[in-house]
Structures are given as C-alpha cells and as structure tokens.
Amino acid sequence: WQLTATKPGRRVVRDKGTYVILRELHRCEREPDVLAACENLIQVLIGDEPGPGMENLLEVKIPEEVEEQLRRRDQEEEEEQERWRREEEEAAGDSTPCPEEPSG
C-alpha cells in the first residue's frame, strides 16, 4: 500500500501493468486475505485520482467516525479469514488448482 499512497507511485504501478496481473490472480486465488488485498489494490488502480490535497494518501486526516467504520470492517474481514482458514484445514487435501488458460 505504501507504493500506491502517492500519485507518482500509483502511476508506476499502473504503468507496469499490475492491473492485468491482479485480475488474473483474482480469478484463481482462494485465500480471502489475498483476495481482499487484490480487490483493494484493483480499486486504487481503476479509481479516479484523489482530489487536490490528497496526493499522498498517508497524510490525509480521516474523520473519527470513518476510522471506526474501517476498524469494524477490518475486524469483520479478519473473522471471515479465520472462518475460511478453519474450513480449509477441515477440507485439507481436497483443493482444486486454478485451471490453465487454453493455448492457441
């Protein structure tokens, strides 16, 4: 996230074709925390550039109520990831790999 916090960093990530790689990873990835990270980064890459005064997202002041909402969302995501891990442990050995793209 540090790289996409600034406008020049976002430009570098976009110019390197990261969106295409993340799009393909998202199709095959099963782990919720990796999927969430892909989705968040994709939103940064395809979203509009932040307005004036928000060029460095690490320096933006977040209102307390929004910060609390984000904390609750993070907690819910962590709980979902933990449920997923338990289910995966129970079903160990029953995984299907990502299908290969057809050649040609």
C-alpha atoms as a PDB file:
ATOM      1  CA  TRP A   1       0.000   0.000   0.000  1.00  0.00           C
ATOM      2  CA  GLN A   2       2.937   2.326   0.567  1.00  0.00           C
ATOM      3  CA  LEU A   3       3.670   2.416  -3.167  1.00  0.00           C
ATOM      4  CA  THR A   4       0.114   3.404  -4.069  1.00  0.00           C
ATOM      5  CA  ALA A   5      -0.134   6.071  -1.373  1.00  0.00           C
ATOM      6  CA  THR A   6       1.267   8.754  -3.679  1.00  0.00           C
ATOM      7  CA  LYS A   7       0.267   9.856  -7.163  1.00  0.00           C
ATOM      8  CA  PRO A   8       3.691   9.013  -8.675  1.00  0.00           C
ATOM      9  CA  GLY A   9       3.589   5.582  -7.005  1.00  0.00           C
ATOM     10  CA  ARG A  10       0.137   4.859  -8.411  1.00  0.00           C
ATOM     11  CA  ARG A  11       1.385   5.891 -11.858  1.00  0.00           C
ATOM     12  CA  VAL A  12       4.305   3.432 -11.636  1.00  0.00           C
ATOM     13  CA  VAL A  13       2.025   0.582 -10.548  1.00  0.00           C
ATOM     14  CA  ARG A  14      -0.403   1.319 -13.398  1.00  0.00           C
ATOM     15  CA  ASP A  15       2.378   1.686 -15.987  1.00  0.00           C
ATOM     16  CA  LYS A  16       3.831  -1.726 -15.060  1.00  0.00           C
ATOM     17  CA  GLY A  17       0.593  -3.497 -15.996  1.00  0.00           C
ATOM     18  CA  THR A  18      -0.194  -4.536 -12.450  1.00  0.00           C
ATOM     19  CA  TYR A  19      -3.939  -4.482 -13.051  1.00  0.00           C
ATOM     20  CA  VAL A  20      -3.728  -7.323 -15.614  1.00  0.00           C
ATOM     21  CA  ILE A  21      -1.670  -9.461 -13.221  1.00  0.00           C
ATOM     22  CA  LEU A  22      -4.039  -8.814 -10.310  1.00  0.00           C
ATOM     23  CA  ARG A  23      -7.075  -9.547 -12.461  1.00  0.00           C
ATOM     24  CA  GLU A  24      -5.675 -12.992 -13.322  1.00  0.00           C
ATOM     25  CA  LEU A  25      -4.578 -13.670  -9.744  1.00  0.00           C
ATOM     26  CA  HIS A  26      -8.048 -12.742  -8.505  1.00  0.00           C
ATOM     27  CA  ARG A  27      -9.597 -15.383 -10.800  1.00  0.00           C
ATOM     28  CA  CYS A  28      -7.556 -18.211  -9.252  1.00  0.00           C
ATOM     29  CA  GLU A  29      -6.883 -17.120  -5.676  1.00  0.00           C
ATOM     30  CA  ARG A  30      -8.934 -18.754  -2.945  1.00  0.00           C
ATOM     31  CA  GLU A  31      -7.479 -17.250   0.225  1.00  0.00           C
ATOM     32  CA  PRO A  32      -9.735 -14.432   1.485  1.00  0.00           C
ATOM     33  CA  ASP A  33      -6.976 -12.119   2.715  1.00  0.00           C
ATOM     34  CA  VAL A  34      -5.189 -12.294  -0.646  1.00  0.00           C
ATOM     35  CA  LEU A  35      -8.476 -11.746  -2.487  1.00  0.00           C
ATOM     36  CA  ALA A  36      -9.248  -8.737  -0.292  1.00  0.00           C
ATOM     37  CA  ALA A  37      -5.797  -7.266  -0.942  1.00  0.00           C
ATOM     38  CA  CYS A  38      -6.229  -7.775  -4.698  1.00  0.00           C
ATOM     39  CA  GLU A  39      -9.658  -6.168  -4.653  1.00  0.00           C
ATOM     40  CA  ASN A  40      -8.437  -3.181  -2.655  1.00  0.00           C
ATOM     41  CA  LEU A  41      -5.458  -2.606  -4.931  1.00  0.00           C
ATOM     42  CA  ILE A  42      -7.596  -3.008  -8.044  1.00  0.00           C
ATOM     43  CA  GLN A  43      -9.947  -0.330  -6.693  1.00  0.00           C
ATOM     44  CA  VAL A  44      -6.989   2.013  -6.238  1.00  0.00           C
ATOM     45  CA  LEU A  45      -5.750   1.317  -9.768  1.00  0.00           C
ATOM     46  CA  ILE A  46      -9.083   1.709 -11.571  1.00  0.00           C
ATOM     47  CA  GLY A  47     -10.459   4.509  -9.409  1.00  0.00           C
ATOM     48  CA  ASP A  48     -10.253   8.209 -10.106  1.00  0.00           C
ATOM     49  CA  GLU A  49      -7.237  10.072  -8.783  1.00  0.00           C
ATOM     50  CA  PRO A  50      -7.925  11.726  -5.429  1.00  0.00           C
ATOM     51  CA  GLY A  51      -8.564  15.448  -5.497  1.00  0.00           C
ATOM     52  CA  PRO A  52      -6.224  18.289  -4.568  1.00  0.00           C
ATOM     53  CA  GLY A  53      -4.683  17.954  -1.139  1.00  0.00           C
ATOM     54  CA  MET A  54      -4.896  14.170  -1.283  1.00  0.00           C
ATOM     55  CA  GLU A  55      -1.871  13.438  -3.441  1.00  0.00           C
ATOM     56  CA  ASN A  56      -0.279  11.498  -0.551  1.00  0.00           C
ATOM     57  CA  LEU A  57      -2.967   9.320   0.995  1.00  0.00           C
ATOM     58  CA  LEU A  58      -0.799   8.604   4.044  1.00  0.00           C
ATOM     59  CA  GLU A  59      -1.134  12.254   5.067  1.00  0.00           C
ATOM     60  CA  VAL A  60      -4.933  12.502   4.738  1.00  0.00           C
ATOM     61  CA  LYS A  61      -6.800  13.087   8.014  1.00  0.00           C
ATOM     62  CA  ILE A  62      -9.606  10.543   8.422  1.00  0.00           C
ATOM     63  CA  PRO A  63     -12.650  11.561  10.487  1.00  0.00           C
ATOM     64  CA  GLU A  64     -13.083   9.502  13.679  1.00  0.00           C
ATOM     65  CA  GLU A  65     -16.433   8.006  12.641  1.00  0.00           C
ATOM     66  CA  VAL A  66     -14.983   6.834   9.315  1.00  0.00           C
ATOM     67  CA  GLU A  67     -11.937   5.425  11.077  1.00  0.00           C
ATOM     68  CA  GLU A  68     -14.225   3.440  13.405  1.00  0.00           C
ATOM     69  CA  GLN A  69     -16.197   2.085  10.444  1.00  0.00           C
ATOM     70  CA  LEU A  70     -12.935   0.989   8.832  1.00  0.00           C
ATOM     71  CA  ARG A  71     -11.826  -0.726  12.059  1.00  0.00           C
ATOM     72  CA  ARG A  72     -15.112  -2.638  12.216  1.00  0.00           C
ATOM     73  CA  ARG A  73     -14.734  -3.671   8.572  1.00  0.00           C
ATOM     74  CA  ASP A  74     -11.176  -4.860   9.233  1.00  0.00           C
ATOM     75  CA  GLN A  75     -12.396  -6.904  12.202  1.00  0.00           C
ATOM     76  CA  GLU A  76     -15.159  -8.485  10.104  1.00  0.00           C
ATOM     77  CA  GLU A  77     -12.638  -9.350   7.373  1.00  0.00           C
ATOM     78  CA  GLU A  78     -10.300 -10.923   9.930  1.00  0.00           C
ATOM     79  CA  GLU A  79     -13.158 -13.026  11.320  1.00  0.00           C
ATOM     80  CA  GLU A  80     -14.101 -14.129   7.801  1.00  0.00           C
ATOM     81  CA  GLN A  81     -10.493 -15.060   7.052  1.00  0.00           C
ATOM     82  CA  GLU A  82     -10.285 -17.092  10.247  1.00  0.00           C
ATOM     83  CA  ARG A  83     -13.504 -18.970   9.322  1.00  0.00           C
ATOM     84  CA  TRP A  84     -12.050 -19.639   5.878  1.00  0.00           C
ATOM     85  CA  ARG A  85      -8.797 -20.968   7.355  1.00  0.00           C
ATOM     86  CA  ARG A  86     -10.695 -23.333   9.674  1.00  0.00           C
ATOM     87  CA  GLU A  87     -12.787 -24.603   6.761  1.00  0.00           C
ATOM     88  CA  GLU A  88      -9.667 -25.090   4.662  1.00  0.00           C
ATOM     89  CA  GLU A  89      -7.980 -27.060   7.446  1.00  0.00           C
ATOM     90  CA  GLU A  90     -11.052 -29.282   7.717  1.00  0.00           C
ATOM     91  CA  ALA A  91     -11.096 -29.893   3.975  1.00  0.00           C
ATOM     92  CA  ALA A  92      -7.308 -30.255   3.594  1.00  0.00           C
ATOM     93  CA  GLY A  93      -6.281 -32.237   0.591  1.00  0.00           C
ATOM     94  CA  ASP A  94      -9.489 -31.522  -1.304  1.00  0.00           C
ATOM     95  CA  SER A  95      -8.308 -28.493  -3.281  1.00  0.00           C
ATOM     96  CA  THR A  96      -8.619 -27.910  -6.997  1.00  0.00           C
ATOM     97  CA  PRO A  97      -5.869 -25.911  -8.722  1.00  0.00           C
ATOM     98  CA  CYS A  98      -6.625 -22.949 -10.914  1.00  0.00           C
ATOM     99  CA  PRO A  99      -7.447 -24.144 -14.448  1.00  0.00           C
ATOM    100  CA  GLU A 100      -4.885 -23.352 -17.092  1.00  0.00           C
ATOM    101  CA  GLU A 101      -5.797 -20.994 -19.904  1.00  0.00           C
ATOM    102  CA  PRO A 102      -6.350 -22.801 -23.198  1.00  0.00           C
ATOM    103  CA  SER A 103      -3.452 -22.413 -25.585  1.00  0.00           C
ATOM    104  CA  GLY A 104      -3.874 -21.388 -29.115  1.00  0.00           C
END
